[in-house]
Amino acid sequence: MRVLLVTAVFAALLFGWVRWQERAAVFFPTRGIDGYPRGIGLSSEDVFIETADGLRLHGWYVQGTSPVTVLWLHGNAGNIVDRLDILEAMTDHLGVSSLLFDFRGYGISEGRPSERGLYADAGAAFRWLTGVKGVAPGNVVIYGHSLGTAVAVDLSLGPGRAAAAAVLESPFTSARGMARMIYGGLPVHLLLSVRFDNEGRIGKLSMPLLVIHGEADTVIPIAMGRRVFEAAPEPKRLLAVPGGDHSDCFLAGGEKYWQAWRDLLDQIQPAES
């Protein structure tokens, strides 16, 4: 009887610890905004997007010279300010327009992050881009980094399925896969409420795909990126970046990084907005 009681108490404590740890481990938002595109010489439009559940999200729209617009879905840490360096490089190298926005609970966006919430935020951003801004869905490239890759996959299978293409940079297999890697033998993955299942869902993708992953990624091993790539249907391409870590593939990859993007963009037949 005592053994059963101790086991039950341990299980309850483990469950509670996992659920508390889950949110802290998955989401690392930085609140507030301390930088703007104009600080790097880019003119931008401040954007406020209303979600279906009544939240107000903040973002920037940067106009480029290309008919293509990239919808950015950032990772689990920081906010859109931390993406200004790659935004500048992408604008210079590709000429695309960009919509960057903060998920709920990040930057000055309202709310608190959750898996379902992030999916809803991406859908709201896509609707704003194609509705309010009038960008044809076939001129949109969905770009997710790290945690944002799972949001990109969800969007590409749902509201954004008419988009032109998807780019996943530093993707992971699933939240459970990450938990197994981080916690070793502990069965933490069995208790997670979040799924973020790239490997299990990407097989239903119906648009061109580019997967980018640094060979020296210290956060998400490239083996995970390869598994996601292998699970995806054609047409697809994998760019493994020698020396690339989790967030610097655009620097480590240099011209090869941007050429991979150009090759993808060349597959897009611009639609009339």
C-alpha atoms as a PDB file:
ATOM      1  CA  MET A   1       0.000   0.000   0.000  1.00  0.00           C
ATOM      2  CA  ARG A   2       2.830   2.380   0.952  1.00  0.00           C
ATOM      3  CA  VAL A   3       4.635   1.611  -2.311  1.00  0.00           C
ATOM      4  CA  LEU A   4       1.501   2.437  -4.303  1.00  0.00           C
ATOM      5  CA  LEU A   5       1.050   5.691  -2.395  1.00  0.00           C
ATOM      6  CA  VAL A   6       4.658   6.741  -2.931  1.00  0.00           C
ATOM      7  CA  THR A   7       4.381   5.855  -6.624  1.00  0.00           C
ATOM      8  CA  ALA A   8       1.186   7.876  -6.989  1.00  0.00           C
ATOM      9  CA  VAL A   9       2.704  10.888  -5.239  1.00  0.00           C
ATOM     10  CA  PHE A  10       5.840  10.671  -7.389  1.00  0.00           C
ATOM     11  CA  ALA A  11       3.749  10.410 -10.554  1.00  0.00           C
ATOM     12  CA  ALA A  12       1.666  13.424  -9.542  1.00  0.00           C
ATOM     13  CA  LEU A  13       4.764  15.474  -8.747  1.00  0.00           C
ATOM     14  CA  LEU A  14       6.397  14.460 -12.021  1.00  0.00           C
ATOM     15  CA  PHE A  15       3.277  15.368 -13.982  1.00  0.00           C
ATOM     16  CA  GLY A  16       3.031  18.758 -12.269  1.00  0.00           C
ATOM     17  CA  TRP A  17       6.737  19.447 -12.779  1.00  0.00           C
ATOM     18  CA  VAL A  18       6.558  18.532 -16.465  1.00  0.00           C
ATOM     19  CA  ARG A  19       3.571  20.789 -17.117  1.00  0.00           C
ATOM     20  CA  TRP A  20       5.262  23.692 -15.297  1.00  0.00           C
ATOM     21  CA  GLN A  21       8.587  23.045 -17.014  1.00  0.00           C
ATOM     22  CA  GLU A  22       6.928  22.637 -20.392  1.00  0.00           C
ATOM     23  CA  ARG A  23       5.885  26.266 -20.748  1.00  0.00           C
ATOM     24  CA  ALA A  24       9.193  27.546 -19.379  1.00  0.00           C
ATOM     25  CA  ALA A  25      11.149  25.284 -21.732  1.00  0.00           C
ATOM     26  CA  VAL A  26       9.123  25.968 -24.872  1.00  0.00           C
ATOM     27  CA  PHE A  27       8.519  29.731 -24.770  1.00  0.00           C
ATOM     28  CA  PHE A  28      11.157  32.390 -24.001  1.00  0.00           C
ATOM     29  CA  PRO A  29       9.482  35.649 -25.034  1.00  0.00           C
ATOM     30  CA  THR A  30      11.100  39.059 -24.696  1.00  0.00           C
ATOM     31  CA  ARG A  31       8.508  41.700 -23.918  1.00  0.00           C
ATOM     32  CA  GLY A  32       8.698  45.206 -25.334  1.00  0.00           C
ATOM     33  CA  ILE A  33      10.371  46.539 -28.467  1.00  0.00           C
ATOM     34  CA  ASP A  34      13.780  48.215 -28.446  1.00  0.00           C
ATOM     35  CA  GLY A  35      14.561  48.384 -32.152  1.00  0.00           C
ATOM     36  CA  TYR A  36      12.940  49.070 -35.520  1.00  0.00           C
ATOM     37  CA  PRO A  37      13.733  48.436 -39.201  1.00  0.00           C
ATOM     38  CA  ARG A  38      14.422  52.132 -39.678  1.00  0.00           C
ATOM     39  CA  GLY A  39      17.415  51.660 -37.390  1.00  0.00           C
ATOM     40  CA  ILE A  40      19.030  49.533 -40.116  1.00  0.00           C
ATOM     41  CA  GLY A  41      17.905  51.774 -42.960  1.00  0.00           C
ATOM     42  CA  LEU A  42      14.675  49.971 -43.895  1.00  0.00           C
ATOM     43  CA  SER A  43      11.373  51.794 -44.100  1.00  0.00           C
ATOM     44  CA  SER A  44       8.521  49.776 -42.632  1.00  0.00           C
ATOM     45  CA  GLU A  45       4.855  49.892 -41.753  1.00  0.00           C
ATOM     46  CA  ASP A  46       3.780  49.137 -38.194  1.00  0.00           C
ATOM     47  CA  VAL A  47       1.141  46.436 -38.409  1.00  0.00           C
ATOM     48  CA  PHE A  48      -1.494  45.413 -35.872  1.00  0.00           C
ATOM     49  CA  ILE A  49      -3.274  42.137 -36.537  1.00  0.00           C
ATOM     50  CA  GLU A  50      -6.479  40.994 -34.846  1.00  0.00           C
ATOM     51  CA  THR A  51      -6.716  37.292 -34.026  1.00  0.00           C
ATOM     52  CA  ALA A  52      -9.900  35.234 -34.078  1.00  0.00           C
ATOM     53  CA  ASP A  53      -9.889  35.156 -30.265  1.00  0.00           C
ATOM     54  CA  GLY A  54      -9.650  38.921 -29.936  1.00  0.00           C
ATOM     55  CA  LEU A  55      -5.943  39.546 -29.369  1.00  0.00           C
ATOM     56  CA  ARG A  56      -3.873  42.288 -31.015  1.00  0.00           C
ATOM     57  CA  LEU A  57      -0.536  41.258 -32.501  1.00  0.00           C
ATOM     58  CA  HIS A  58       2.224  43.636 -33.532  1.00  0.00           C
ATOM     59  CA  GLY A  59       4.435  43.342 -36.572  1.00  0.00           C
ATOM     60  CA  TRP A  60       6.243  45.131 -39.389  1.00  0.00           C
ATOM     61  CA  TYR A  61       5.629  45.087 -43.110  1.00  0.00           C
ATOM     62  CA  VAL A  62       8.701  45.893 -45.205  1.00  0.00           C
ATOM     63  CA  GLN A  63       8.108  46.574 -48.878  1.00  0.00           C
ATOM     64  CA  GLY A  64      10.581  45.048 -51.327  1.00  0.00           C
ATOM     65  CA  THR A  65      11.052  45.127 -55.072  1.00  0.00           C
ATOM     66  CA  SER A  66       9.949  41.530 -55.697  1.00  0.00           C
ATOM     67  CA  PRO A  67       6.287  40.450 -56.057  1.00  0.00           C
ATOM     68  CA  VAL A  68       7.015  37.783 -53.416  1.00  0.00           C
ATOM     69  CA  THR A  69       6.319  38.425 -49.734  1.00  0.00           C
ATOM     70  CA  VAL A  70       7.915  36.321 -47.002  1.00  0.00           C
ATOM     71  CA  LEU A  71       5.736  35.640 -43.959  1.00  0.00           C
ATOM     72  CA  TRP A  72       8.130  35.167 -41.034  1.00  0.00           C
ATOM     73  CA  LEU A  73       7.363  32.806 -38.144  1.00  0.00           C
ATOM     74  CA  HIS A  74      10.122  33.250 -35.597  1.00  0.00           C
ATOM     75  CA  GLY A  75      11.555  30.914 -32.983  1.00  0.00           C
ATOM     76  CA  ASN A  76      10.721  30.502 -29.316  1.00  0.00           C
ATOM     77  CA  ALA A  77      13.057  33.146 -27.878  1.00  0.00           C
ATOM     78  CA  GLY A  78      13.245  36.934 -28.058  1.00  0.00           C
ATOM     79  CA  ASN A  79      10.985  38.782 -30.482  1.00  0.00           C
ATOM     80  CA  ILE A  80      11.066  40.292 -33.969  1.00  0.00           C
ATOM     81  CA  VAL A  81      13.777  42.783 -32.996  1.00  0.00           C
ATOM     82  CA  ASP A  82      16.218  39.860 -32.841  1.00  0.00           C
ATOM     83  CA  ARG A  83      15.541  39.162 -36.544  1.00  0.00           C
ATOM     84  CA  LEU A  84      16.582  42.579 -37.855  1.00  0.00           C
ATOM     85  CA  ASP A  85      20.016  41.372 -38.979  1.00  0.00           C
ATOM     86  CA  ILE A  86      18.666  38.625 -41.216  1.00  0.00           C
ATOM     87  CA  LEU A  87      15.806  40.895 -42.354  1.00  0.00           C
ATOM     88  CA  GLU A  88      18.352  43.391 -43.623  1.00  0.00           C
ATOM     89  CA  ALA A  89      20.338  40.669 -45.377  1.00  0.00           C
ATOM     90  CA  MET A  90      17.252  39.093 -46.950  1.00  0.00           C
ATOM     91  CA  THR A  91      15.990  42.419 -48.234  1.00  0.00           C
ATOM     92  CA  ASP A  92      19.390  43.191 -49.752  1.00  0.00           C
ATOM     93  CA  HIS A  93      19.975  39.761 -51.299  1.00  0.00           C
ATOM     94  CA  LEU A  94      16.466  38.817 -52.459  1.00  0.00           C
ATOM     95  CA  GLY A  95      14.452  42.027 -52.735  1.00  0.00           C
ATOM     96  CA  VAL A  96      11.380  40.325 -51.248  1.00  0.00           C
ATOM     97  CA  SER A  97       8.796  42.071 -49.136  1.00  0.00           C
ATOM     98  CA  SER A  98       8.473  40.803 -45.554  1.00  0.00           C
ATOM     99  CA  LEU A  99       5.819  40.545 -42.877  1.00  0.00           C
ATOM    100  CA  LEU A 100       7.380  39.922 -39.473  1.00  0.00           C
ATOM    101  CA  PHE A 101       5.103  39.752 -36.452  1.00  0.00           C
ATOM    102  CA  ASP A 102       5.331  38.676 -32.852  1.00  0.00           C
ATOM    103  CA  PHE A 103       3.315  35.757 -31.585  1.00  0.00           C
ATOM    104  CA  ARG A 104       1.019  36.369 -28.631  1.00  0.00           C
ATOM    105  CA  GLY A 105       3.040  37.175 -25.513  1.00  0.00           C
ATOM    106  CA  TYR A 106       6.106  38.307 -27.482  1.00  0.00           C
ATOM    107  CA  GLY A 107       7.214  41.899 -28.037  1.00  0.00           C
ATOM    108  CA  ILE A 108       4.159  44.107 -27.635  1.00  0.00           C
ATOM    109  CA  SER A 109       1.678  41.493 -28.871  1.00  0.00           C
ATOM    110  CA  GLU A 110      -1.105  40.744 -26.420  1.00  0.00           C
ATOM    111  CA  GLY A 111      -1.809  37.416 -24.765  1.00  0.00           C
ATOM    112  CA  ARG A 112       0.162  34.417 -23.588  1.00  0.00           C
ATOM    113  CA  PRO A 113       1.848  31.891 -25.895  1.00  0.00           C
ATOM    114  CA  SER A 114       0.518  28.381 -26.411  1.00  0.00           C
ATOM    115  CA  GLU A 115       0.670  25.849 -29.243  1.00  0.00           C
ATOM    116  CA  ARG A 116      -2.882  26.450 -30.353  1.00  0.00           C
ATOM    117  CA  GLY A 117      -2.422  30.197 -29.924  1.00  0.00           C
ATOM    118  CA  LEU A 118       0.661  30.326 -32.150  1.00  0.00           C
ATOM    119  CA  TYR A 119      -1.166  28.429 -34.873  1.00  0.00           C
ATOM    120  CA  ALA A 120      -4.049  30.902 -34.642  1.00  0.00           C
ATOM    121  CA  ASP A 121      -1.630  33.844 -34.778  1.00  0.00           C
ATOM    122  CA  ALA A 122      -0.049  32.568 -37.992  1.00  0.00           C
ATOM    123  CA  GLY A 123      -3.462  32.144 -39.573  1.00  0.00           C
ATOM    124  CA  ALA A 124      -4.400  35.698 -38.603  1.00  0.00           C
ATOM    125  CA  ALA A 125      -1.160  37.042 -40.086  1.00  0.00           C
ATOM    126  CA  PHE A 126      -1.757  35.175 -43.351  1.00  0.00           C
ATOM    127  CA  ARG A 127      -5.301  36.516 -43.553  1.00  0.00           C
ATOM    128  CA  TRP A 128      -4.043  40.066 -42.901  1.00  0.00           C
ATOM    129  CA  LEU A 129      -1.385  39.709 -45.583  1.00  0.00           C
ATOM    130  CA  THR A 130      -3.733  38.333 -48.237  1.00  0.00           C
ATOM    131  CA  GLY A 131      -6.821  40.284 -47.180  1.00  0.00           C
ATOM    132  CA  VAL A 132      -5.886  43.686 -45.790  1.00  0.00           C
ATOM    133  CA  LYS A 133      -2.610  43.982 -47.715  1.00  0.00           C
ATOM    134  CA  GLY A 134      -3.978  42.299 -50.818  1.00  0.00           C
ATOM    135  CA  VAL A 135      -1.017  39.992 -51.486  1.00  0.00           C
ATOM    136  CA  ALA A 136      -2.014  37.019 -53.648  1.00  0.00           C
ATOM    137  CA  PRO A 137      -1.588  33.734 -51.687  1.00  0.00           C
ATOM    138  CA  GLY A 138       0.505  32.410 -54.569  1.00  0.00           C
ATOM    139  CA  ASN A 139       3.038  35.185 -53.936  1.00  0.00           C
ATOM    140  CA  VAL A 140       3.573  34.268 -50.276  1.00  0.00           C
ATOM    141  CA  VAL A 141       6.478  32.192 -48.971  1.00  0.00           C
ATOM    142  CA  ILE A 142       5.972  30.845 -45.446  1.00  0.00           C
ATOM    143  CA  TYR A 143       9.257  30.946 -43.535  1.00  0.00           C
ATOM    144  CA  GLY A 144       9.631  29.326 -40.120  1.00  0.00           C
ATOM    145  CA  HIS A 145      12.705  29.145 -37.920  1.00  0.00           C
ATOM    146  CA  SER A 146      13.172  26.685 -35.048  1.00  0.00           C
ATOM    147  CA  LEU A 147       9.881  26.563 -33.103  1.00  0.00           C
ATOM    148  CA  GLY A 148       8.387  28.583 -35.946  1.00  0.00           C
ATOM    149  CA  THR A 149       8.919  25.638 -38.300  1.00  0.00           C
ATOM    150  CA  ALA A 150       6.069  23.777 -36.601  1.00  0.00           C
ATOM    151  CA  VAL A 151       3.885  26.867 -36.939  1.00  0.00           C
ATOM    152  CA  ALA A 152       4.890  27.098 -40.611  1.00  0.00           C
ATOM    153  CA  VAL A 153       3.941  23.467 -41.220  1.00  0.00           C
ATOM    154  CA  ASP A 154       0.570  23.972 -39.543  1.00  0.00           C
ATOM    155  CA  LEU A 155      -0.096  27.119 -41.576  1.00  0.00           C
ATOM    156  CA  SER A 156       0.962  25.393 -44.802  1.00  0.00           C
ATOM    157  CA  LEU A 157      -1.584  22.628 -44.153  1.00  0.00           C
ATOM    158  CA  GLY A 158      -4.363  25.015 -43.140  1.00  0.00           C
ATOM    159  CA  PRO A 159      -5.096  28.679 -43.916  1.00  0.00           C
ATOM    160  CA  GLY A 160      -1.834  29.083 -45.839  1.00  0.00           C
ATOM    161  CA  ARG A 161      -2.093  25.966 -47.987  1.00  0.00           C
ATOM    162  CA  ALA A 162      -2.463  28.145 -51.113  1.00  0.00           C
ATOM    163  CA  ALA A 163       0.906  29.806 -50.467  1.00  0.00           C
ATOM    164  CA  ALA A 164       3.699  29.470 -53.024  1.00  0.00           C
ATOM    165  CA  ALA A 165       6.301  27.636 -50.943  1.00  0.00           C
ATOM    166  CA  ALA A 166       7.617  26.932 -47.446  1.00  0.00           C
ATOM    167  CA  VAL A 167      11.078  27.367 -45.943  1.00  0.00           C
ATOM    168  CA  LEU A 168      11.956  25.580 -42.705  1.00  0.00           C
ATOM    169  CA  GLU A 169      15.193  26.593 -41.031  1.00  0.00           C
ATOM    170  CA  SER A 170      16.548  24.534 -38.128  1.00  0.00           C
ATOM    171  CA  PRO A 171      13.461  22.306 -37.853  1.00  0.00           C
ATOM    172  CA  PHE A 172      12.968  19.707 -35.107  1.00  0.00           C
ATOM    173  CA  THR A 173      11.059  16.462 -35.355  1.00  0.00           C
ATOM    174  CA  SER A 174       8.525  17.170 -32.608  1.00  0.00           C
ATOM    175  CA  ALA A 175       8.212  18.489 -29.074  1.00  0.00           C
ATOM    176  CA  ARG A 176       8.327  14.907 -27.822  1.00  0.00           C
ATOM    177  CA  GLY A 177      11.473  14.247 -29.830  1.00  0.00           C
ATOM    178  CA  MET A 178      13.135  17.284 -28.280  1.00  0.00           C
ATOM    179  CA  ALA A 179      12.073  16.175 -24.796  1.00  0.00           C
ATOM    180  CA  ARG A 180      13.529  12.702 -25.309  1.00  0.00           C
ATOM    181  CA  MET A 181      16.805  14.280 -26.404  1.00  0.00           C
ATOM    182  CA  ILE A 182      16.973  16.790 -23.546  1.00  0.00           C
ATOM    183  CA  TYR A 183      15.816  14.586 -20.665  1.00  0.00           C
ATOM    184  CA  GLY A 184      17.385  11.291 -21.706  1.00  0.00           C
ATOM    185  CA  GLY A 185      15.806   8.332 -19.940  1.00  0.00           C
ATOM    186  CA  LEU A 186      13.055  10.259 -18.129  1.00  0.00           C
ATOM    187  CA  PRO A 187       9.666   9.606 -19.781  1.00  0.00           C
ATOM    188  CA  VAL A 188       8.931  13.316 -19.851  1.00  0.00           C
ATOM    189  CA  HIS A 189       7.835  13.202 -23.487  1.00  0.00           C
ATOM    190  CA  LEU A 190       4.842  11.027 -22.562  1.00  0.00           C
ATOM    191  CA  LEU A 191       3.451  13.776 -20.322  1.00  0.00           C
ATOM    192  CA  LEU A 192       3.758  16.743 -22.669  1.00  0.00           C
ATOM    193  CA  SER A 193       0.632  18.615 -23.694  1.00  0.00           C
ATOM    194  CA  VAL A 194       2.332  20.305 -26.666  1.00  0.00           C
ATOM    195  CA  ARG A 195       2.977  18.369 -29.859  1.00  0.00           C
ATOM    196  CA  PHE A 196       4.545  20.672 -32.479  1.00  0.00           C
ATOM    197  CA  ASP A 197       4.857  17.559 -34.657  1.00  0.00           C
ATOM    198  CA  ASN A 198       6.820  18.445 -37.798  1.00  0.00           C
ATOM    199  CA  GLU A 199       7.865  14.916 -38.716  1.00  0.00           C
ATOM    200  CA  GLY A 200       4.384  13.489 -38.311  1.00  0.00           C
ATOM    201  CA  ARG A 201       2.561  16.211 -40.247  1.00  0.00           C
ATOM    202  CA  ILE A 202       4.848  17.380 -43.046  1.00  0.00           C
ATOM    203  CA  GLY A 203       3.984  14.416 -45.261  1.00  0.00           C
ATOM    204  CA  LYS A 204       0.752  16.227 -46.177  1.00  0.00           C
ATOM    205  CA  LEU A 205       2.558  19.290 -47.519  1.00  0.00           C
ATOM    206  CA  SER A 206       1.576  20.240 -51.083  1.00  0.00           C
ATOM    207  CA  MET A 207       3.988  23.043 -51.971  1.00  0.00           C
ATOM    208  CA  PRO A 208       7.714  23.339 -52.778  1.00  0.00           C
ATOM    209  CA  LEU A 209       9.879  23.049 -49.668  1.00  0.00           C
ATOM    210  CA  LEU A 210      13.344  24.254 -48.729  1.00  0.00           C
ATOM    211  CA  VAL A 211      14.870  22.900 -45.503  1.00  0.00           C
ATOM    212  CA  ILE A 212      17.951  24.683 -44.147  1.00  0.00           C
ATOM    213  CA  HIS A 213      19.958  23.373 -41.215  1.00  0.00           C
ATOM    214  CA  GLY A 214      23.369  24.146 -39.764  1.00  0.00           C
ATOM    215  CA  GLU A 215      25.671  21.156 -39.473  1.00  0.00           C
ATOM    216  CA  ALA A 216      26.974  22.574 -36.175  1.00  0.00           C
ATOM    217  CA  ASP A 217      23.552  23.387 -34.688  1.00  0.00           C
ATOM    218  CA  THR A 218      23.958  23.227 -30.893  1.00  0.00           C
ATOM    219  CA  VAL A 219      20.219  23.500 -30.156  1.00  0.00           C
ATOM    220  CA  ILE A 220      18.523  21.212 -32.675  1.00  0.00           C
ATOM    221  CA  PRO A 221      20.823  18.589 -34.232  1.00  0.00           C
ATOM    222  CA  ILE A 222      20.871  18.416 -38.006  1.00  0.00           C
ATOM    223  CA  ALA A 223      19.802  14.764 -37.731  1.00  0.00           C
ATOM    224  CA  MET A 224      16.366  16.083 -36.780  1.00  0.00           C
ATOM    225  CA  GLY A 225      16.309  18.403 -39.774  1.00  0.00           C
ATOM    226  CA  ARG A 226      17.185  15.476 -42.036  1.00  0.00           C
ATOM    227  CA  ARG A 227      14.337  13.395 -40.606  1.00  0.00           C
ATOM    228  CA  VAL A 228      11.850  16.202 -41.229  1.00  0.00           C
ATOM    229  CA  PHE A 229      13.185  16.573 -44.772  1.00  0.00           C
ATOM    230  CA  GLU A 230      12.930  12.834 -45.441  1.00  0.00           C
ATOM    231  CA  ALA A 231       9.317  12.796 -44.245  1.00  0.00           C
ATOM    232  CA  ALA A 232       8.331  15.598 -46.635  1.00  0.00           C
ATOM    233  CA  PRO A 233       7.025  14.987 -50.169  1.00  0.00           C
ATOM    234  CA  GLU A 234       8.633  16.328 -53.338  1.00  0.00           C
ATOM    235  CA  PRO A 235       9.459  18.923 -54.562  1.00  0.00           C
ATOM    236  CA  LYS A 236      11.967  19.604 -51.828  1.00  0.00           C
ATOM    237  CA  ARG A 237      15.580  20.557 -51.213  1.00  0.00           C
ATOM    238  CA  LEU A 238      17.859  20.315 -48.187  1.00  0.00           C
ATOM    239  CA  LEU A 239      20.667  22.815 -47.626  1.00  0.00           C
ATOM    240  CA  ALA A 240      23.078  21.605 -44.937  1.00  0.00           C
ATOM    241  CA  VAL A 241      25.270  24.551 -43.908  1.00  0.00           C
ATOM    242  CA  PRO A 242      28.836  23.607 -42.866  1.00  0.00           C
ATOM    243  CA  GLY A 243      29.722  25.378 -39.628  1.00  0.00           C
ATOM    244  CA  GLY A 244      26.224  26.773 -39.289  1.00  0.00           C
ATOM    245  CA  ASP A 245      24.774  26.971 -35.780  1.00  0.00           C
ATOM    246  CA  HIS A 246      21.148  27.456 -34.801  1.00  0.00           C
ATOM    247  CA  SER A 247      20.577  31.040 -35.915  1.00  0.00           C
ATOM    248  CA  ASP A 248      23.500  32.020 -38.139  1.00  0.00           C
ATOM    249  CA  CYS A 249      23.058  29.922 -41.265  1.00  0.00           C
ATOM    250  CA  PHE A 250      22.614  33.047 -43.371  1.00  0.00           C
ATOM    251  CA  LEU A 251      26.080  34.135 -42.242  1.00  0.00           C
ATOM    252  CA  ALA A 252      27.821  30.746 -42.276  1.00  0.00           C
ATOM    253  CA  GLY A 253      26.221  29.736 -45.565  1.00  0.00           C
ATOM    254  CA  GLY A 254      26.999  32.971 -47.372  1.00  0.00           C
ATOM    255  CA  GLU A 255      26.112  33.004 -51.065  1.00  0.00           C
ATOM    256  CA  LYS A 256      25.049  29.328 -51.010  1.00  0.00           C
ATOM    257  CA  TYR A 257      22.360  30.215 -48.484  1.00  0.00           C
ATOM    258  CA  TRP A 258      20.925  32.988 -50.628  1.00  0.00           C
ATOM    259  CA  GLN A 259      21.220  30.959 -53.819  1.00  0.00           C
ATOM    260  CA  ALA A 260      19.095  28.234 -52.253  1.00  0.00           C
ATOM    261  CA  TRP A 261      16.442  30.868 -51.589  1.00  0.00           C
ATOM    262  CA  ARG A 262      16.730  32.191 -55.162  1.00  0.00           C
ATOM    263  CA  ASP A 263      16.356  28.699 -56.586  1.00  0.00           C
ATOM    264  CA  LEU A 264      13.126  28.321 -54.601  1.00  0.00           C
ATOM    265  CA  LEU A 265      11.830  31.732 -55.659  1.00  0.00           C
ATOM    266  CA  ASP A 266      12.549  30.854 -59.284  1.00  0.00           C
ATOM    267  CA  GLN A 267       9.904  28.118 -58.989  1.00  0.00           C
ATOM    268  CA  ILE A 268       7.220  30.680 -58.183  1.00  0.00           C
ATOM    269  CA  GLN A 269       5.086  32.058 -60.975  1.00  0.00           C
ATOM    270  CA  PRO A 270       3.993  35.469 -59.589  1.00  0.00           C
ATOM    271  CA  ALA A 271       0.223  35.786 -59.363  1.00  0.00           C
ATOM    272  CA  GLU A 272      -1.775  38.971 -59.753  1.00  0.00           C
ATOM    273  CA  SER A 273      -2.790  40.467 -56.410  1.00  0.00           C
END
